[in-house]
Protein backbone atom coordinates (compact mmCIF):
# COMPACT_ATOMS: atom_id res chain seq x y z
CA MET A 1 53.72 121.23 101.20
CA GLU A 2 52.75 117.66 102.01
CA GLU A 3 54.25 114.91 99.83
CA ALA A 4 50.86 113.77 98.56
CA GLU A 5 49.90 117.34 97.68
CA PHE A 6 53.23 117.84 95.91
CA GLU A 7 52.82 114.66 93.85
CA LYS A 8 49.29 115.69 92.90
CA LEU A 9 50.53 119.08 91.75
CA VAL A 10 53.38 117.49 89.75
CA SER A 11 50.89 115.17 88.00
CA GLU A 12 48.74 118.17 87.17
CA TYR A 13 51.72 120.06 85.75
CA ILE A 14 52.66 117.07 83.61
CA ASN A 15 49.12 116.64 82.27
CA ARG A 16 48.80 120.25 81.18
CA ARG A 17 52.45 120.73 80.17
CA ALA A 18 53.18 123.49 82.65
CA ASP A 19 55.66 126.14 81.52
CA LYS A 20 59.16 126.62 82.88
CA ASP A 21 58.22 129.34 85.35
CA GLU A 22 55.61 127.12 87.00
CA TRP A 23 58.09 124.28 87.41
CA MET A 24 60.67 126.66 88.86
CA LYS A 25 58.15 127.93 91.41
CA LEU A 26 57.74 124.32 92.47
CA GLY A 27 61.46 124.09 93.28
CA PHE A 28 62.93 122.82 89.99
CA ASP A 29 65.77 124.70 88.31
CA GLU A 30 66.03 125.45 84.60
CA PHE A 31 68.05 122.34 83.76
CA GLN A 32 65.78 120.02 85.72
CA THR A 33 62.81 121.53 83.90
CA MET A 34 64.51 120.80 80.57
CA GLU A 35 64.85 117.12 81.51
CA ILE A 36 61.18 116.93 82.50
CA ASN A 37 60.12 118.46 79.17
CA ARG A 38 62.44 116.21 77.17
CA GLY A 39 61.05 113.18 78.93
CA MET A 40 57.49 114.23 78.14
CA ASP A 41 58.45 114.93 74.51
CA ASN A 42 59.87 111.40 74.25
CA GLY A 43 56.91 109.74 75.90
CA VAL A 44 58.50 108.40 79.08
CA ASN A 45 57.01 108.37 82.55
CA VAL A 46 58.65 111.48 83.97
CA LEU A 47 56.95 110.94 87.33
CA ILE A 48 59.76 108.50 88.08
CA TYR A 49 62.31 111.30 88.26
CA CYS A 50 60.15 114.41 88.68
CA ASN A 51 61.66 115.24 92.06
CA PRO A 52 63.71 118.36 92.91
CA GLU A 53 66.08 116.16 94.93
CA PHE A 54 67.37 114.69 91.66
CA ASN A 55 69.86 117.03 90.00
CA ALA A 56 69.64 117.51 86.25
CA ALA A 57 72.39 114.96 85.55
CA SER A 58 70.57 112.25 87.51
CA MET A 59 67.32 113.14 85.78
CA LYS A 60 69.04 112.81 82.41
CA SER A 61 70.48 109.42 83.32
CA LEU A 62 67.06 108.15 84.38
CA ARG A 63 65.36 109.67 81.32
CA LEU A 64 67.81 108.05 78.91
CA GLY A 65 67.38 104.73 80.72
CA LEU A 66 63.60 104.96 80.36
CA GLU A 67 63.91 105.85 76.69
CA GLU A 68 66.09 102.76 76.27
CA GLY A 69 63.46 100.59 77.91
CA ILE A 70 65.48 99.93 81.06
CA ASP A 71 63.70 99.38 84.36
CA VAL A 72 65.25 102.21 86.36
CA SER A 73 63.04 101.82 89.42
CA PRO A 74 65.68 99.99 91.56
CA PHE A 75 67.98 103.02 91.44
CA ALA A 76 65.51 105.87 90.84
CA THR A 77 66.26 107.45 94.19
CA PRO A 78 68.25 110.59 95.08
CA GLU A 79 70.60 108.38 97.13
CA PHE A 80 72.30 107.40 93.85
CA ASP A 81 74.24 109.97 91.83
CA TYR A 82 74.20 109.93 88.05
CA MET A 83 77.57 108.14 87.77
CA GLN A 84 76.31 105.28 89.91
CA MET A 85 73.17 105.20 87.79
CA GLU A 86 75.21 104.94 84.60
CA GLU A 87 77.21 102.01 85.96
CA ILE A 88 74.08 100.17 87.10
CA LYS A 89 72.61 100.65 83.65
CA GLU A 90 75.76 99.10 82.17
CA CYS A 91 75.24 96.12 84.48
CA LEU A 92 71.69 95.71 83.15
CA ARG A 93 72.90 95.98 79.56
CA SER A 94 75.45 93.23 80.29
CA GLY A 95 72.77 90.97 81.72
CA ILE A 96 74.24 91.15 85.23
CA ASP A 97 72.00 90.79 88.29
CA ILE A 98 72.08 94.22 89.90
CA GLU A 99 71.13 93.02 93.38
CA ASP A 100 74.77 93.13 94.51
CA VAL A 101 75.56 96.51 92.95
CA CYS A 102 72.39 98.47 93.67
CA ASN A 103 73.83 99.92 96.85
CA PRO A 104 74.13 103.70 97.36
CA SER A 105 77.20 103.18 99.55
CA TYR A 106 79.13 101.79 96.56
CA SER A 107 80.86 104.43 94.46
CA ASN A 108 80.54 104.27 90.70
CA SER A 109 84.09 102.87 90.50
CA VAL A 110 83.18 100.02 92.88
CA ILE A 111 80.09 99.20 90.82
CA ARG A 112 82.17 99.30 87.63
CA GLU A 113 84.75 96.87 89.01
CA ILE A 114 82.06 94.45 90.19
CA ARG A 115 80.57 94.59 86.70
CA LEU A 116 83.86 94.09 84.87
CA ALA A 117 84.82 91.22 87.16
CA ARG A 118 81.46 89.52 86.57
CA VAL A 119 81.87 89.90 82.82
CA ASN A 120 85.18 88.04 83.11
CA GLY A 121 83.67 85.27 85.21
CA TYR A 122 84.80 86.09 88.72
CA ASP A 123 83.49 88.00 91.70
CA VAL A 124 84.82 90.87 93.80
CA VAL A 125 81.61 91.60 95.71
CA HIS A 126 83.15 90.17 98.88
CA TYR A 127 85.83 92.88 98.81
CA ALA A 128 83.26 95.57 98.07
CA LYS A 129 81.28 94.51 101.13
CA LEU A 130 84.46 94.84 103.20
CA GLY A 131 84.68 98.48 102.12
CA TYR A 132 87.61 98.36 99.68
CA SER A 133 87.71 101.15 97.11
CA GLY A 134 87.10 100.76 93.42
CA GLU A 135 90.81 101.30 92.78
CA VAL A 136 91.71 98.35 95.03
CA LEU A 137 89.00 96.22 93.41
CA ARG A 138 90.53 97.06 90.05
CA GLN A 139 93.88 95.65 91.15
CA ILE A 140 92.20 92.48 92.41
CA ARG A 141 90.36 92.13 89.11
CA LEU A 142 93.48 92.67 87.00
CA ALA A 143 95.45 90.24 89.15
CA ARG A 144 92.83 87.51 88.79
CA LYS A 145 92.77 88.09 85.05
CA ASP A 146 96.47 87.09 85.02
CA ASP A 147 95.90 84.29 87.55
CA ILE A 148 97.80 86.22 90.22
CA ASP A 149 96.79 86.12 93.87
CA ILE A 150 97.27 89.43 95.70
CA ASP A 151 94.80 88.72 98.51
CA PHE A 152 97.55 88.75 101.14
CA PHE A 153 98.65 92.24 100.10
CA VAL A 154 95.05 93.49 100.01
CA ARG A 155 94.43 92.21 103.53
CA ASP A 156 97.73 93.78 104.60
CA ASN A 157 96.27 97.16 103.60
CA PHE A 158 98.61 98.15 100.77
CA ASP A 159 96.96 100.96 98.82
CA SER A 160 95.91 100.66 95.19
CA PHE A 161 99.12 102.24 93.83
CA GLN A 162 101.27 99.86 95.86
CA LEU A 163 99.10 96.90 94.85
CA ASN A 164 99.56 97.87 91.21
CA GLU A 165 103.35 97.71 91.53
CA ILE A 166 103.28 94.44 93.48
CA ARG A 167 100.95 92.94 90.88
CA LEU A 168 103.14 94.08 87.98
CA GLY A 169 106.23 92.80 89.75
CA ILE A 170 104.71 89.36 90.28
CA LYS A 171 103.56 89.34 86.66
CA SER A 172 107.11 90.06 85.44
CA CYS A 173 108.58 87.49 87.89
CA VAL A 174 110.78 89.86 89.90
CA ASP A 175 111.43 89.56 93.62
CA VAL A 176 108.72 91.85 95.02
CA THR A 177 110.00 91.29 98.56
CA LYS A 178 112.75 93.76 97.62
CA TYR A 179 110.22 96.60 97.73
CA MET A 180 107.25 95.13 99.57
CA LEU A 181 107.24 97.74 102.33
CA HIS A 182 104.33 99.92 103.41
CA GLU A 183 106.79 102.80 103.80
CA TYR A 184 107.30 102.93 100.03
CA THR A 185 104.79 104.84 97.93
CA GLY A 186 103.54 103.29 94.73
CA GLU A 187 105.80 105.65 92.79
CA GLN A 188 108.88 104.51 94.71
CA MET A 189 107.87 100.88 94.23
CA GLU A 190 107.60 101.53 90.50
CA GLN A 191 111.22 102.68 90.28
CA LEU A 192 112.40 99.65 92.24
CA ARG A 193 110.30 97.31 90.09
CA LEU A 194 111.61 98.83 86.86
CA GLY A 195 115.16 98.47 88.15
CA LEU A 196 114.61 94.79 88.92
CA GLU A 197 113.01 94.22 85.53
CA ASN A 198 115.98 95.87 83.82
CA GLY A 199 118.52 93.88 85.80
CA VAL A 200 120.22 96.67 87.75
CA ASN A 201 121.36 96.54 91.35
CA ILE A 202 118.55 98.33 93.14
CA ASP A 203 120.41 98.11 96.46
CA VAL A 204 122.05 101.38 95.42
CA TYR A 205 118.75 103.23 95.79
CA ASN A 206 116.56 100.82 97.76
CA PHE A 207 116.20 103.33 100.54
CA VAL A 208 113.02 104.99 101.84
CA GLY A 209 114.89 108.30 102.12
CA PHE A 210 115.03 108.64 98.34
CA SER A 211 112.01 110.14 96.61
CA SER A 212 110.62 108.42 93.54
CA GLY A 213 112.18 111.16 91.38
CA GLN A 214 115.60 110.57 92.92
CA MET A 215 115.19 106.81 92.51
CA LYS A 216 114.38 107.31 88.85
CA GLU A 217 117.56 109.28 88.21
CA ILE A 218 119.71 106.68 89.97
CA ARG A 219 117.97 103.86 88.09
CA LEU A 220 118.47 105.57 84.73
CA GLY A 221 122.14 106.06 85.56
CA LEU A 222 122.57 102.40 86.46
CA GLU A 223 120.79 101.35 83.26
CA ALA A 224 123.13 103.63 81.28
CA GLY A 225 126.13 101.95 82.92
CA ILE A 226 127.55 105.06 84.54
CA ASP A 227 128.93 105.50 88.07
CA VAL A 228 126.01 106.84 90.08
CA THR A 229 127.87 107.16 93.39
CA PRO A 230 128.68 110.88 92.89
CA TYR A 231 124.98 111.74 92.96
CA ALA A 232 123.28 108.80 94.72
CA ASP A 233 122.82 110.91 97.80
CA PRO A 234 119.47 111.89 99.39
CA PHE A 235 120.67 115.47 99.79
CA TYR A 236 120.68 116.00 96.02
CA ASP A 237 117.22 116.68 94.67
CA SER A 238 116.04 114.88 91.54
CA VAL A 239 116.68 117.91 89.30
CA THR A 240 120.30 118.11 90.42
CA MET A 241 120.64 114.34 90.06
CA LYS A 242 119.33 114.54 86.50
CA GLU A 243 121.85 117.23 85.61
CA MET A 244 124.72 115.20 87.08
CA ARG A 245 123.55 112.00 85.38
CA GLU A 246 123.25 113.63 81.98
CA LYS A 247 126.65 115.27 82.39
CA GLU A 248 128.19 111.89 83.23
CA GLU A 249 126.45 110.25 80.29
CA ARG A 250 127.83 112.96 77.98
CA GLY A 251 131.30 112.41 79.45
CA ASP A 252 131.65 116.03 80.56
CA SER A 253 134.50 116.69 82.98
CA ALA A 254 133.30 116.86 86.53
CA GLU A 255 132.97 120.31 88.04
CA GLU A 256 132.79 121.12 91.69
CA PRO A 257 129.39 122.51 92.61
CA LYS A 258 129.52 126.28 93.10
CA LEU A 259 128.18 128.30 96.01
CA ASP A 260 125.10 130.36 95.31
CA ASP A 261 124.37 133.76 96.87
CA LEU A 262 122.45 132.37 99.83
CA GLN A 263 125.17 129.84 100.63
CA SER A 264 127.85 132.54 100.36
CA GLN A 265 125.82 134.70 102.72
CA GLU A 266 125.79 131.93 105.35
CA ILE A 267 129.58 131.61 105.13
CA LEU A 268 129.96 135.39 105.48
CA LEU A 269 127.68 135.42 108.53
CA GLY A 270 129.78 132.65 110.05
CA LEU A 271 132.99 134.57 109.45
CA MET A 272 131.47 137.67 111.04
CA SER A 273 130.47 135.70 114.14
CA GLY A 274 133.88 134.00 114.38
CA VAL A 275 132.86 130.37 113.92
CA ASP A 276 134.85 127.79 111.96
CA VAL A 277 133.12 128.09 108.55
CA SER A 278 135.40 125.44 107.06
CA LEU A 279 133.10 122.89 108.66
CA TYR A 280 130.22 123.80 106.34
CA ALA A 281 131.77 125.80 103.47
CA ASP A 282 130.79 123.14 100.97
CA ALA A 283 128.38 123.76 98.07
CA ARG A 284 126.83 120.37 98.66
CA TYR A 285 125.12 121.80 101.73
CA SER A 286 121.93 123.73 101.04
CA PHE A 287 121.82 127.19 102.57
CA HIS A 288 119.22 125.89 105.07
CA GLN A 289 121.69 123.23 106.21
CA MET A 290 124.46 125.81 106.40
CA GLU A 291 122.25 128.07 108.48
CA ALA A 292 121.43 125.25 110.92
CA ILE A 293 125.14 124.42 111.36
CA ARG A 294 126.13 128.11 111.75
CA VAL A 295 123.48 128.74 114.41
CA ARG A 296 124.61 125.66 116.36
CA LEU A 297 128.26 126.78 116.19
CA GLU A 298 127.39 130.34 117.25
CA ARG A 299 125.63 128.92 120.32
CA GLY A 300 128.68 126.82 121.13
CA GLU A 301 126.69 123.65 120.56
CA ASP A 302 127.79 120.40 118.93
CA ALA A 303 126.89 120.34 115.21
CA SER A 304 128.56 117.05 114.36
CA ASP A 305 125.24 115.36 113.56
CA LEU A 306 124.71 117.92 110.79
CA LEU A 307 128.21 117.72 109.30
CA ILE A 308 127.62 115.27 106.51
CA TYR A 309 130.49 116.22 104.24
CA ALA A 310 133.10 117.29 106.78
CA ASN A 311 135.19 114.13 106.37
CA CYS A 312 134.53 113.48 102.68
């Protein structure tokens, strides 16, 4: 069907209040038909959104805008989704010129950050044009609100989670150079920042090999004033670290870690094959590590690079 013919038929349907089945034959689903009927009931010009390419949510957003008296024509196109439409409407309600935000390539979060920045008297459109995400724009906006300049870190391509931790660190006046590495995730940076803010020596866990969960357990131990060296080891997972930290905080007597069934099996296999199991018969090795060492020894290969605890 030609576009002109389609538009003529739509106008005819509107004028005679066509029923649901007729609209559905024209390509509209049940929910789209509901939005058309609601618009007609409320006296708005439904021709603006009477297009099967608009989903029901977009139709609803346009209908509510029309009912509110908003000029929706700049964004009444299927290129915009309903979330973008809602943010543009918020811009109009705030008296903001929508020329810079009425761009289908901008996500709703980008549009929202442009709007919130404008409300606070500054502009992040430049960063939006460069293709930065709404999450990064949010960090720029929050930084400017506190008179903090994070432009260098934005240009250096730190992600939004990392930017958040750098921004918070600058705000609390800690030395962000201690954790200002791309190799750290935002979660790792958070644990380093919290340690600096709480005055502990983060050098103990300022190591990319620690996960954020492991860093947290070491930080909590340092803040509690206990000796974290027994568990500040990348080979202990965060759950094990937590158990050891809590035991130390309770003052429980230290117990040697016990071998589990899989570890015992690796030692038995080593004994059966005649290798020196004393090299890896240590519960601090996982059974995967034990297996790797055993296989090397059985092949007559050097396993010294795997023997972490041999000389402890």
